[in-house]
């Protein structure tokens, strides 16, 4: 058992692009659910909209990738308005149903043969990140400290990604501590009282939905830019619930909760995966009990069990406050 390599891989996973992507997505969910009480079960739909529109704008309109990022963010804002207008005046469960259904509708639509010339169908799109590569200031080689070693391309992706995360955290910090943010928290606690004070609850909810969805779109845009492709199979409903796991693990309604939760989630997932594979490879676990092909499923079961225990013994998450859970999303 190479425990040193297992630990090295787990720590590396906490700062690699996957952790960045889900940190951004969870920051958006924190704005929705943590601060406003909105149940968005379709954050992956915002990720898909952002990623696809960024890629399509570069390939079809020949615009720079930076412009493509702006197009993706604007498209996500439009997506939020489309979903929020008929649902935000109703109960929270309507928004949950609409968002999860809409994310699947979008994913299946981009796979349809009708739109294949634009979306690439099930094969997706590629060849739109030349600008991303040309902006990379790191020459070919390996970068890092100690056991944390990354290629030039991955180093560039990590630097850009964590910069986006820090800027997103700063923006949320400033907004939530503003009068606007205090209204969001009041809506989460009792929207009828906020409405009685003369505030336009629907408008605030819509603004929150657009803002949180934009963070989801940013996660999707970053994902496709550093991966150099956008494929519909990457946007399954499970991605939204992984982001919720990150949020719950770190702590709901905490500025750093989504970031810490995402880093821990990917570290634990990698630790569990590598440990199980080593145990199977060294016959500590007989193949009659579990073979290498079953490791992927078993690791998710163990992570799920850990999440259940967390909710039982510390439901507020690592950084959370129990008082933040004493609400009824409206």
C-alpha atoms as a PDB file:
ATOM      1  CA  UNK A   1       0.000   0.000   0.000  1.00  0.00           C
ATOM      2  CA  UNK A   2       1.527   3.271  -1.148  1.00  0.00           C
ATOM      3  CA  UNK A   3      -0.067   5.552   1.439  1.00  0.00           C
ATOM      4  CA  UNK A   4       2.230   8.424   0.527  1.00  0.00           C
ATOM      5  CA  UNK A   5       1.023   8.444  -3.074  1.00  0.00           C
ATOM      6  CA  UNK A   6      -2.600   8.109  -1.972  1.00  0.00           C
ATOM      7  CA  UNK A   7      -2.325  11.144   0.300  1.00  0.00           C
ATOM      8  CA  UNK A   8      -0.455  13.116  -2.381  1.00  0.00           C
ATOM      9  CA  UNK A   9      -3.208  12.418  -4.907  1.00  0.00           C
ATOM     10  CA  UNK A  10      -5.920  13.364  -2.418  1.00  0.00           C
ATOM     11  CA  UNK A  11      -4.326  16.698  -1.534  1.00  0.00           C
ATOM     12  CA  UNK A  12      -3.700  17.462  -5.220  1.00  0.00           C
ATOM     13  CA  UNK A  13      -7.353  16.744  -6.007  1.00  0.00           C
ATOM     14  CA  UNK A  14      -8.375  19.485  -3.569  1.00  0.00           C
ATOM     15  CA  UNK A  15      -6.839  22.173  -5.796  1.00  0.00           C
ATOM     16  CA  UNK A  16      -7.267  20.695  -9.278  1.00  0.00           C
ATOM     17  CA  UNK A  17      -9.865  22.058 -11.759  1.00  0.00           C
ATOM     18  CA  UNK A  18     -12.677  19.733 -10.602  1.00  0.00           C
ATOM     19  CA  UNK A  19     -12.595  21.305  -7.142  1.00  0.00           C
ATOM     20  CA  UNK A  20     -12.666  24.770  -8.737  1.00  0.00           C
ATOM     21  CA  UNK A  21     -15.649  23.938 -10.958  1.00  0.00           C
ATOM     22  CA  UNK A  22     -17.772  22.668  -8.092  1.00  0.00           C
ATOM     23  CA  UNK A  23     -16.669  25.483  -5.794  1.00  0.00           C
ATOM     24  CA  UNK A  24     -18.062  27.994  -8.313  1.00  0.00           C
ATOM     25  CA  UNK A  25     -21.256  25.985  -8.806  1.00  0.00           C
ATOM     26  CA  UNK A  26     -21.721  25.647  -5.030  1.00  0.00           C
ATOM     27  CA  UNK A  27     -21.157  29.385  -4.534  1.00  0.00           C
ATOM     28  CA  UNK A  28     -24.138  29.931  -6.820  1.00  0.00           C
ATOM     29  CA  UNK A  29     -26.234  27.442  -4.856  1.00  0.00           C
ATOM     30  CA  UNK A  30     -25.209  29.197  -1.662  1.00  0.00           C
ATOM     31  CA  UNK A  31     -26.667  32.439  -3.016  1.00  0.00           C
ATOM     32  CA  UNK A  32     -29.846  30.603  -4.026  1.00  0.00           C
ATOM     33  CA  UNK A  33     -30.465  28.275  -1.116  1.00  0.00           C
ATOM     34  CA  UNK A  34     -28.139  29.444   1.626  1.00  0.00           C
ATOM     35  CA  UNK A  35     -28.997  33.139   1.538  1.00  0.00           C
ATOM     36  CA  UNK A  36     -32.376  33.348  -0.225  1.00  0.00           C
ATOM     37  CA  UNK A  37     -34.027  29.991   0.444  1.00  0.00           C
ATOM     38  CA  UNK A  38     -34.506  29.153  -3.250  1.00  0.00           C
ATOM     39  CA  UNK A  39     -34.492  25.452  -4.127  1.00  0.00           C
ATOM     40  CA  UNK A  40     -32.588  25.215  -7.403  1.00  0.00           C
ATOM     41  CA  UNK A  41     -32.169  21.573  -8.434  1.00  0.00           C
ATOM     42  CA  UNK A  42     -30.936  22.490 -11.912  1.00  0.00           C
ATOM     43  CA  UNK A  43     -27.625  24.283 -11.341  1.00  0.00           C
ATOM     44  CA  UNK A  44     -26.084  21.981 -13.923  1.00  0.00           C
ATOM     45  CA  UNK A  45     -28.457  23.550 -16.452  1.00  0.00           C
ATOM     46  CA  UNK A  46     -26.840  26.942 -15.847  1.00  0.00           C
ATOM     47  CA  UNK A  47     -23.437  25.289 -16.248  1.00  0.00           C
ATOM     48  CA  UNK A  48     -24.515  23.764 -19.560  1.00  0.00           C
ATOM     49  CA  UNK A  49     -26.038  26.997 -20.870  1.00  0.00           C
ATOM     50  CA  UNK A  50     -22.891  28.964 -20.025  1.00  0.00           C
ATOM     51  CA  UNK A  51     -20.539  26.385 -21.516  1.00  0.00           C
ATOM     52  CA  UNK A  52     -22.489  25.791 -24.710  1.00  0.00           C
ATOM     53  CA  UNK A  53     -23.179  29.428 -25.497  1.00  0.00           C
ATOM     54  CA  UNK A  54     -19.544  30.339 -24.882  1.00  0.00           C
ATOM     55  CA  UNK A  55     -18.370  27.577 -27.231  1.00  0.00           C
ATOM     56  CA  UNK A  56     -21.005  28.226 -29.902  1.00  0.00           C
ATOM     57  CA  UNK A  57     -20.321  31.967 -29.966  1.00  0.00           C
ATOM     58  CA  UNK A  58     -16.606  31.334 -30.598  1.00  0.00           C
ATOM     59  CA  UNK A  59     -17.174  28.691 -33.280  1.00  0.00           C
ATOM     60  CA  UNK A  60     -20.172  30.210 -35.067  1.00  0.00           C
ATOM     61  CA  UNK A  61     -19.530  33.944 -34.694  1.00  0.00           C
ATOM     62  CA  UNK A  62     -15.724  33.888 -34.601  1.00  0.00           C
ATOM     63  CA  UNK A  63     -15.578  36.119 -31.541  1.00  0.00           C
ATOM     64  CA  UNK A  64     -12.679  36.049 -29.021  1.00  0.00           C
ATOM     65  CA  UNK A  65     -13.043  33.606 -26.144  1.00  0.00           C
ATOM     66  CA  UNK A  66     -13.423  36.487 -23.662  1.00  0.00           C
ATOM     67  CA  UNK A  67     -16.480  37.651 -25.596  1.00  0.00           C
ATOM     68  CA  UNK A  68     -17.704  34.064 -25.594  1.00  0.00           C
ATOM     69  CA  UNK A  69     -17.474  34.051 -21.792  1.00  0.00           C
ATOM     70  CA  UNK A  70     -19.639  37.186 -21.683  1.00  0.00           C
ATOM     71  CA  UNK A  71     -22.157  35.618 -24.069  1.00  0.00           C
ATOM     72  CA  UNK A  72     -22.332  32.535 -21.848  1.00  0.00           C
ATOM     73  CA  UNK A  73     -22.956  34.636 -18.748  1.00  0.00           C
ATOM     74  CA  UNK A  74     -25.650  36.675 -20.504  1.00  0.00           C
ATOM     75  CA  UNK A  75     -27.305  33.496 -21.755  1.00  0.00           C
ATOM     76  CA  UNK A  76     -27.369  32.151 -18.200  1.00  0.00           C
ATOM     77  CA  UNK A  77     -29.006  35.388 -17.045  1.00  0.00           C
ATOM     78  CA  UNK A  78     -31.674  34.957 -19.710  1.00  0.00           C
ATOM     79  CA  UNK A  79     -32.121  31.323 -18.673  1.00  0.00           C
ATOM     80  CA  UNK A  80     -32.689  32.447 -15.063  1.00  0.00           C
ATOM     81  CA  UNK A  81     -35.300  34.997 -16.156  1.00  0.00           C
ATOM     82  CA  UNK A  82     -37.055  32.364 -18.275  1.00  0.00           C
ATOM     83  CA  UNK A  83     -37.230  29.906 -15.385  1.00  0.00           C
ATOM     84  CA  UNK A  84     -37.862  32.413 -12.601  1.00  0.00           C
ATOM     85  CA  UNK A  85     -40.663  34.490 -14.079  1.00  0.00           C
ATOM     86  CA  UNK A  86     -43.395  31.808 -13.897  1.00  0.00           C
ATOM     87  CA  UNK A  87     -42.171  30.120 -10.690  1.00  0.00           C
ATOM     88  CA  UNK A  88     -40.815  32.626  -8.174  1.00  0.00           C
ATOM     89  CA  UNK A  89     -44.264  33.861  -7.189  1.00  0.00           C
ATOM     90  CA  UNK A  90     -45.208  30.280  -6.294  1.00  0.00           C
ATOM     91  CA  UNK A  91     -44.004  27.833  -3.630  1.00  0.00           C
ATOM     92  CA  UNK A  92     -40.351  26.768  -3.497  1.00  0.00           C
ATOM     93  CA  UNK A  93     -41.023  23.251  -4.774  1.00  0.00           C
ATOM     94  CA  UNK A  94     -42.225  24.639  -8.129  1.00  0.00           C
ATOM     95  CA  UNK A  95     -38.829  26.216  -8.735  1.00  0.00           C
ATOM     96  CA  UNK A  96     -37.120  22.946  -7.800  1.00  0.00           C
ATOM     97  CA  UNK A  97     -39.260  20.978 -10.263  1.00  0.00           C
ATOM     98  CA  UNK A  98     -38.863  23.504 -13.076  1.00  0.00           C
ATOM     99  CA  UNK A  99     -35.095  23.859 -12.734  1.00  0.00           C
ATOM    100  CA  UNK A 100     -34.360  20.131 -12.651  1.00  0.00           C
ATOM    101  CA  UNK A 101     -36.674  19.512 -15.609  1.00  0.00           C
ATOM    102  CA  UNK A 102     -35.296  22.453 -17.598  1.00  0.00           C
ATOM    103  CA  UNK A 103     -31.700  21.297 -17.143  1.00  0.00           C
ATOM    104  CA  UNK A 104     -32.596  17.905 -18.615  1.00  0.00           C
ATOM    105  CA  UNK A 105     -34.565  19.518 -21.434  1.00  0.00           C
ATOM    106  CA  UNK A 106     -31.550  21.618 -22.370  1.00  0.00           C
ATOM    107  CA  UNK A 107     -29.172  18.639 -22.219  1.00  0.00           C
ATOM    108  CA  UNK A 108     -31.410  16.482 -24.378  1.00  0.00           C
ATOM    109  CA  UNK A 109     -32.041  19.360 -26.803  1.00  0.00           C
ATOM    110  CA  UNK A 110     -28.341  19.923 -27.546  1.00  0.00           C
ATOM    111  CA  UNK A 111     -28.062  16.188 -28.262  1.00  0.00           C
ATOM    112  CA  UNK A 112     -30.898  16.257 -30.780  1.00  0.00           C
ATOM    113  CA  UNK A 113     -29.995  15.666 -34.472  1.00  0.00           C
ATOM    114  CA  UNK A 114     -31.955  18.811 -35.366  1.00  0.00           C
ATOM    115  CA  UNK A 115     -29.336  21.035 -33.724  1.00  0.00           C
ATOM    116  CA  UNK A 116     -26.309  18.878 -34.489  1.00  0.00           C
ATOM    117  CA  UNK A 117     -24.715  21.399 -36.861  1.00  0.00           C
ATOM    118  CA  UNK A 118     -24.631  23.992 -34.080  1.00  0.00           C
ATOM    119  CA  UNK A 119     -24.284  21.950 -30.879  1.00  0.00           C
ATOM    120  CA  UNK A 120     -22.379  18.933 -32.182  1.00  0.00           C
ATOM    121  CA  UNK A 121     -25.053  16.527 -30.986  1.00  0.00           C
ATOM    122  CA  UNK A 122     -23.960  13.764 -28.610  1.00  0.00           C
ATOM    123  CA  UNK A 123     -20.324  14.302 -29.638  1.00  0.00           C
ATOM    124  CA  UNK A 124     -20.321  17.907 -28.426  1.00  0.00           C
ATOM    125  CA  UNK A 125     -18.011  20.691 -29.601  1.00  0.00           C
ATOM    126  CA  UNK A 126     -14.265  21.270 -29.525  1.00  0.00           C
ATOM    127  CA  UNK A 127     -11.614  23.525 -31.043  1.00  0.00           C
ATOM    128  CA  UNK A 128     -12.809  26.765 -29.474  1.00  0.00           C
ATOM    129  CA  UNK A 129     -10.122  27.372 -26.830  1.00  0.00           C
ATOM    130  CA  UNK A 130      -7.186  28.597 -28.931  1.00  0.00           C
ATOM    131  CA  UNK A 131      -7.343  31.915 -27.085  1.00  0.00           C
ATOM    132  CA  UNK A 132      -7.176  30.059 -23.761  1.00  0.00           C
ATOM    133  CA  UNK A 133      -3.976  28.305 -24.811  1.00  0.00           C
ATOM    134  CA  UNK A 134      -2.426  31.431 -26.317  1.00  0.00           C
ATOM    135  CA  UNK A 135      -2.919  33.336 -23.043  1.00  0.00           C
ATOM    136  CA  UNK A 136      -1.058  30.691 -21.051  1.00  0.00           C
ATOM    137  CA  UNK A 137       2.110  32.424 -19.717  1.00  0.00           C
ATOM    138  CA  UNK A 138       3.703  29.179 -18.482  1.00  0.00           C
ATOM    139  CA  UNK A 139       6.246  27.537 -20.818  1.00  0.00           C
ATOM    140  CA  UNK A 140       6.140  23.760 -21.237  1.00  0.00           C
ATOM    141  CA  UNK A 141       7.338  21.975 -18.130  1.00  0.00           C
ATOM    142  CA  UNK A 142       6.325  21.024 -14.625  1.00  0.00           C
ATOM    143  CA  UNK A 143       5.376  23.482 -11.903  1.00  0.00           C
ATOM    144  CA  UNK A 144       4.629  23.149  -8.218  1.00  0.00           C
ATOM    145  CA  UNK A 145       6.038  22.696  -4.741  1.00  0.00           C
ATOM    146  CA  UNK A 146       7.065  19.352  -3.283  1.00  0.00           C
ATOM    147  CA  UNK A 147       4.698  16.602  -4.357  1.00  0.00           C
ATOM    148  CA  UNK A 148       2.259  19.119  -5.878  1.00  0.00           C
ATOM    149  CA  UNK A 149       3.420  18.982  -9.488  1.00  0.00           C
ATOM    150  CA  UNK A 150       1.341  20.135 -12.440  1.00  0.00           C
ATOM    151  CA  UNK A 151       1.854  20.537 -16.166  1.00  0.00           C
ATOM    152  CA  UNK A 152       1.987  24.010 -17.717  1.00  0.00           C
ATOM    153  CA  UNK A 153      -1.599  23.693 -18.993  1.00  0.00           C
ATOM    154  CA  UNK A 154      -2.928  22.515 -15.633  1.00  0.00           C
ATOM    155  CA  UNK A 155      -0.984  25.206 -13.773  1.00  0.00           C
ATOM    156  CA  UNK A 156      -2.599  27.860 -15.988  1.00  0.00           C
ATOM    157  CA  UNK A 157      -6.035  26.343 -15.386  1.00  0.00           C
ATOM    158  CA  UNK A 158      -5.474  26.267 -11.617  1.00  0.00           C
ATOM    159  CA  UNK A 159      -4.249  29.881 -11.477  1.00  0.00           C
ATOM    160  CA  UNK A 160      -7.203  31.163 -13.516  1.00  0.00           C
ATOM    161  CA  UNK A 161      -9.697  28.976 -11.673  1.00  0.00           C
ATOM    162  CA  UNK A 162      -8.735  29.914  -8.133  1.00  0.00           C
ATOM    163  CA  UNK A 163      -8.583  33.568  -9.156  1.00  0.00           C
ATOM    164  CA  UNK A 164     -12.196  33.266 -10.305  1.00  0.00           C
ATOM    165  CA  UNK A 165     -13.138  31.553  -7.043  1.00  0.00           C
ATOM    166  CA  UNK A 166     -11.528  34.265  -4.912  1.00  0.00           C
ATOM    167  CA  UNK A 167     -13.191  37.039  -6.930  1.00  0.00           C
ATOM    168  CA  UNK A 168     -16.539  35.252  -6.636  1.00  0.00           C
ATOM    169  CA  UNK A 169     -16.144  34.878  -2.867  1.00  0.00           C
ATOM    170  CA  UNK A 170     -15.260  38.567  -2.574  1.00  0.00           C
ATOM    171  CA  UNK A 171     -18.304  39.591  -4.624  1.00  0.00           C
ATOM    172  CA  UNK A 172     -20.651  37.457  -2.530  1.00  0.00           C
ATOM    173  CA  UNK A 173     -19.061  38.786   0.670  1.00  0.00           C
ATOM    174  CA  UNK A 174     -19.677  42.392  -0.373  1.00  0.00           C
ATOM    175  CA  UNK A 175     -23.218  41.763  -1.608  1.00  0.00           C
ATOM    176  CA  UNK A 176     -24.415  39.713   1.350  1.00  0.00           C
ATOM    177  CA  UNK A 177     -23.195  42.362   3.791  1.00  0.00           C
ATOM    178  CA  UNK A 178     -24.932  45.109   1.866  1.00  0.00           C
ATOM    179  CA  UNK A 179     -28.572  46.163   2.399  1.00  0.00           C
ATOM    180  CA  UNK A 180     -29.445  44.008  -0.624  1.00  0.00           C
ATOM    181  CA  UNK A 181     -27.963  40.945   1.047  1.00  0.00           C
ATOM    182  CA  UNK A 182     -29.806  41.618   4.281  1.00  0.00           C
ATOM    183  CA  UNK A 183     -33.086  41.671   2.356  1.00  0.00           C
ATOM    184  CA  UNK A 184     -32.212  38.264   0.856  1.00  0.00           C
ATOM    185  CA  UNK A 185     -31.667  36.820   4.310  1.00  0.00           C
ATOM    186  CA  UNK A 186     -34.947  38.313   5.485  1.00  0.00           C
ATOM    187  CA  UNK A 187     -36.740  36.694   2.528  1.00  0.00           C
ATOM    188  CA  UNK A 188     -35.220  33.367   3.490  1.00  0.00           C
ATOM    189  CA  UNK A 189     -36.567  33.719   7.025  1.00  0.00           C
ATOM    190  CA  UNK A 190     -40.029  35.186   6.335  1.00  0.00           C
ATOM    191  CA  UNK A 191     -40.889  36.597   2.953  1.00  0.00           C
ATOM    192  CA  UNK A 192     -44.342  37.720   4.088  1.00  0.00           C
ATOM    193  CA  UNK A 193     -42.745  40.038   6.642  1.00  0.00           C
ATOM    194  CA  UNK A 194     -40.438  41.430   3.964  1.00  0.00           C
ATOM    195  CA  UNK A 195     -43.385  41.990   1.659  1.00  0.00           C
ATOM    196  CA  UNK A 196     -45.240  43.765   4.470  1.00  0.00           C
ATOM    197  CA  UNK A 197     -42.301  46.191   4.729  1.00  0.00           C
ATOM    198  CA  UNK A 198     -42.855  47.232   1.121  1.00  0.00           C
ATOM    199  CA  UNK A 199     -40.052  45.248  -0.528  1.00  0.00           C
ATOM    200  CA  UNK A 200     -40.571  43.651  -3.941  1.00  0.00           C
ATOM    201  CA  UNK A 201     -39.874  40.056  -2.950  1.00  0.00           C
ATOM    202  CA  UNK A 202     -40.269  38.746  -6.494  1.00  0.00           C
ATOM    203  CA  UNK A 203     -37.626  41.160  -7.810  1.00  0.00           C
ATOM    204  CA  UNK A 204     -35.145  40.232  -5.093  1.00  0.00           C
ATOM    205  CA  UNK A 205     -35.691  36.525  -5.710  1.00  0.00           C
ATOM    206  CA  UNK A 206     -35.163  37.038  -9.431  1.00  0.00           C
ATOM    207  CA  UNK A 207     -31.944  38.959  -8.818  1.00  0.00           C
ATOM    208  CA  UNK A 208     -30.723  36.169  -6.561  1.00  0.00           C
ATOM    209  CA  UNK A 209     -31.611  33.529  -9.158  1.00  0.00           C
ATOM    210  CA  UNK A 210     -29.729  35.433 -11.875  1.00  0.00           C
ATOM    211  CA  UNK A 211     -26.680  36.002  -9.666  1.00  0.00           C
ATOM    212  CA  UNK A 212     -26.429  32.414  -8.444  1.00  0.00           C
ATOM    213  CA  UNK A 213     -27.079  31.093 -11.937  1.00  0.00           C
ATOM    214  CA  UNK A 214     -24.279  33.282 -13.266  1.00  0.00           C
ATOM    215  CA  UNK A 215     -21.852  31.606 -10.871  1.00  0.00           C
ATOM    216  CA  UNK A 216     -23.074  28.259 -12.186  1.00  0.00           C
ATOM    217  CA  UNK A 217     -22.548  29.469 -15.756  1.00  0.00           C
ATOM    218  CA  UNK A 218     -19.063  30.663 -14.844  1.00  0.00           C
ATOM    219  CA  UNK A 219     -18.313  27.158 -13.563  1.00  0.00           C
ATOM    220  CA  UNK A 220     -19.526  25.682 -16.852  1.00  0.00           C
ATOM    221  CA  UNK A 221     -17.581  28.184 -18.973  1.00  0.00           C
ATOM    222  CA  UNK A 222     -14.378  27.570 -17.027  1.00  0.00           C
ATOM    223  CA  UNK A 223     -14.960  23.821 -17.307  1.00  0.00           C
ATOM    224  CA  UNK A 224     -15.230  23.800 -21.100  1.00  0.00           C
ATOM    225  CA  UNK A 225     -12.395  26.306 -21.570  1.00  0.00           C
ATOM    226  CA  UNK A 226      -9.791  24.314 -19.663  1.00  0.00           C
ATOM    227  CA  UNK A 227     -11.122  20.989 -20.936  1.00  0.00           C
ATOM    228  CA  UNK A 228     -11.202  22.220 -24.573  1.00  0.00           C
ATOM    229  CA  UNK A 229     -14.545  20.553 -25.264  1.00  0.00           C
ATOM    230  CA  UNK A 230     -18.191  20.656 -24.283  1.00  0.00           C
ATOM    231  CA  UNK A 231     -20.093  17.351 -24.205  1.00  0.00           C
ATOM    232  CA  UNK A 232     -23.745  16.900 -23.114  1.00  0.00           C
ATOM    233  CA  UNK A 233     -22.964  13.781 -21.062  1.00  0.00           C
ATOM    234  CA  UNK A 234     -21.005  15.984 -18.646  1.00  0.00           C
ATOM    235  CA  UNK A 235     -24.187  17.773 -17.575  1.00  0.00           C
ATOM    236  CA  UNK A 236     -26.214  15.067 -15.893  1.00  0.00           C
ATOM    237  CA  UNK A 237     -28.472  15.889 -12.961  1.00  0.00           C
ATOM    238  CA  UNK A 238     -25.991  14.253 -10.578  1.00  0.00           C
ATOM    239  CA  UNK A 239     -23.636  17.224 -11.014  1.00  0.00           C
ATOM    240  CA  UNK A 240     -26.120  19.516  -9.264  1.00  0.00           C
ATOM    241  CA  UNK A 241     -26.306  17.187  -6.278  1.00  0.00           C
ATOM    242  CA  UNK A 242     -22.508  16.928  -6.105  1.00  0.00           C
ATOM    243  CA  UNK A 243     -22.497  20.720  -5.835  1.00  0.00           C
ATOM    244  CA  UNK A 244     -25.085  20.498  -3.048  1.00  0.00           C
ATOM    245  CA  UNK A 245     -22.873  17.973  -1.250  1.00  0.00           C
ATOM    246  CA  UNK A 246     -20.004  20.469  -1.443  1.00  0.00           C
ATOM    247  CA  UNK A 247     -22.243  23.210  -0.062  1.00  0.00           C
ATOM    248  CA  UNK A 248     -23.620  21.098   2.791  1.00  0.00           C
ATOM    249  CA  UNK A 249     -20.193  19.705   3.658  1.00  0.00           C
ATOM    250  CA  UNK A 250     -18.628  23.153   3.920  1.00  0.00           C
ATOM    251  CA  UNK A 251     -21.570  24.889   5.533  1.00  0.00           C
ATOM    252  CA  UNK A 252     -24.665  26.567   4.117  1.00  0.00           C
ATOM    253  CA  UNK A 253     -24.868  30.385   4.231  1.00  0.00           C
ATOM    254  CA  UNK A 254     -21.143  30.713   4.920  1.00  0.00           C
ATOM    255  CA  UNK A 255     -18.916  32.678   2.544  1.00  0.00           C
ATOM    256  CA  UNK A 256     -16.138  30.063   2.491  1.00  0.00           C
ATOM    257  CA  UNK A 257     -18.434  27.063   2.963  1.00  0.00           C
ATOM    258  CA  UNK A 258     -18.775  26.125  -0.748  1.00  0.00           C
ATOM    259  CA  UNK A 259     -15.027  26.459  -1.339  1.00  0.00           C
ATOM    260  CA  UNK A 260     -13.958  24.397   1.662  1.00  0.00           C
ATOM    261  CA  UNK A 261     -16.692  21.856   0.931  1.00  0.00           C
ATOM    262  CA  UNK A 262     -15.606  21.402  -2.683  1.00  0.00           C
ATOM    263  CA  UNK A 263     -11.965  20.937  -1.739  1.00  0.00           C
ATOM    264  CA  UNK A 264     -12.858  18.367   0.920  1.00  0.00           C
ATOM    265  CA  UNK A 265     -15.330  16.573  -1.337  1.00  0.00           C
ATOM    266  CA  UNK A 266     -12.759  15.950  -4.070  1.00  0.00           C
ATOM    267  CA  UNK A 267     -10.020  15.103  -1.590  1.00  0.00           C
ATOM    268  CA  UNK A 268     -12.262  12.542   0.137  1.00  0.00           C
ATOM    269  CA  UNK A 269     -13.512  11.138  -3.179  1.00  0.00           C
ATOM    270  CA  UNK A 270      -9.941  10.662  -4.420  1.00  0.00           C
ATOM    271  CA  UNK A 271      -8.759   9.252  -1.087  1.00  0.00           C
ATOM    272  CA  UNK A 272     -11.606   6.727  -1.051  1.00  0.00           C
ATOM    273  CA  UNK A 273     -11.073   5.758  -4.692  1.00  0.00           C
ATOM    274  CA  UNK A 274      -7.289   5.288  -4.433  1.00  0.00           C
ATOM    275  CA  UNK A 275      -7.511   3.445  -1.100  1.00  0.00           C
ATOM    276  CA  UNK A 276     -10.098   0.982  -2.409  1.00  0.00           C
ATOM    277  CA  UNK A 277      -8.093   0.349  -5.570  1.00  0.00           C
ATOM    278  CA  UNK A 278      -4.942  -0.317  -3.541  1.00  0.00           C
ATOM    279  CA  UNK A 279      -6.836  -2.656  -1.216  1.00  0.00           C
ATOM    280  CA  UNK A 280      -8.225  -4.604  -4.167  1.00  0.00           C
ATOM    281  CA  UNK A 281      -4.898  -4.657  -6.039  1.00  0.00           C
ATOM    282  CA  UNK A 282      -3.058  -5.993  -2.965  1.00  0.00           C
ATOM    283  CA  UNK A 283      -5.758  -8.606  -2.217  1.00  0.00           C
ATOM    284  CA  UNK A 284      -6.753  -7.034   1.084  1.00  0.00           C
ATOM    285  CA  UNK A 285     -10.240  -7.063  -0.433  1.00  0.00           C
ATOM    286  CA  UNK A 286     -10.858 -10.293  -2.390  1.00  0.00           C
ATOM    287  CA  UNK A 287     -12.307  -9.916  -5.882  1.00  0.00           C
ATOM    288  CA  UNK A 288     -15.161 -12.133  -4.759  1.00  0.00           C
ATOM    289  CA  UNK A 289     -16.263  -9.191  -2.590  1.00  0.00           C
ATOM    290  CA  UNK A 290     -15.335  -6.289  -4.875  1.00  0.00           C
ATOM    291  CA  UNK A 291     -13.520  -6.128  -8.199  1.00  0.00           C
ATOM    292  CA  UNK A 292     -11.774  -3.039  -9.674  1.00  0.00           C
ATOM    293  CA  UNK A 293     -14.810  -2.207 -11.823  1.00  0.00           C
ATOM    294  CA  UNK A 294     -16.956  -1.772  -8.716  1.00  0.00           C
ATOM    295  CA  UNK A 295     -14.655   0.694  -6.964  1.00  0.00           C
ATOM    296  CA  UNK A 296     -16.275   3.723  -8.607  1.00  0.00           C
ATOM    297  CA  UNK A 297     -19.714   2.822  -7.279  1.00  0.00           C
ATOM    298  CA  UNK A 298     -18.514   1.761  -3.820  1.00  0.00           C
ATOM    299  CA  UNK A 299     -16.585   5.003  -3.270  1.00  0.00           C
ATOM    300  CA  UNK A 300     -19.770   7.011  -3.903  1.00  0.00           C
ATOM    301  CA  UNK A 301     -21.626   4.768  -1.449  1.00  0.00           C
ATOM    302  CA  UNK A 302     -18.991   5.453   1.207  1.00  0.00           C
ATOM    303  CA  UNK A 303     -19.066   9.194   0.537  1.00  0.00           C
ATOM    304  CA  UNK A 304     -22.861   9.071   0.778  1.00  0.00           C
ATOM    305  CA  UNK A 305     -22.624   7.256   4.102  1.00  0.00           C
ATOM    306  CA  UNK A 306     -20.203   9.909   5.329  1.00  0.00           C
ATOM    307  CA  UNK A 307     -22.635  12.641   4.279  1.00  0.00           C
ATOM    308  CA  UNK A 308     -25.451  10.929   6.200  1.00  0.00           C
ATOM    309  CA  UNK A 309     -23.294  10.810   9.324  1.00  0.00           C
ATOM    310  CA  UNK A 310     -22.403  14.475   8.833  1.00  0.00           C
ATOM    311  CA  UNK A 311     -26.080  15.434   8.623  1.00  0.00           C
ATOM    312  CA  UNK A 312     -26.825  13.416  11.759  1.00  0.00           C
ATOM    313  CA  UNK A 313     -24.004  14.728  13.947  1.00  0.00           C
ATOM    314  CA  UNK A 314     -23.228  18.127  12.388  1.00  0.00           C
ATOM    315  CA  UNK A 315     -26.046  19.158  10.030  1.00  0.00           C
ATOM    316  CA  UNK A 316     -24.726  22.703   9.709  1.00  0.00           C
ATOM    317  CA  UNK A 317     -21.546  21.488   7.979  1.00  0.00           C
ATOM    318  CA  UNK A 318     -17.973  22.194   8.959  1.00  0.00           C
ATOM    319  CA  UNK A 319     -18.224  25.990   8.935  1.00  0.00           C
ATOM    320  CA  UNK A 320     -21.958  26.407   9.323  1.00  0.00           C
ATOM    321  CA  UNK A 321     -24.207  27.649  12.085  1.00  0.00           C
ATOM    322  CA  UNK A 322     -27.240  25.657  13.260  1.00  0.00           C
ATOM    323  CA  UNK A 323     -29.270  28.859  13.314  1.00  0.00           C
ATOM    324  CA  UNK A 324     -28.927  29.111   9.534  1.00  0.00           C
ATOM    325  CA  UNK A 325     -30.838  25.820   9.219  1.00  0.00           C
ATOM    326  CA  UNK A 326     -33.836  27.099  11.166  1.00  0.00           C
ATOM    327  CA  UNK A 327     -35.731  28.268   8.119  1.00  0.00           C
ATOM    328  CA  UNK A 328     -38.490  27.243   5.803  1.00  0.00           C
ATOM    329  CA  UNK A 329     -37.559  27.980   2.144  1.00  0.00           C
ATOM    330  CA  UNK A 330     -40.410  29.858   0.527  1.00  0.00           C
END
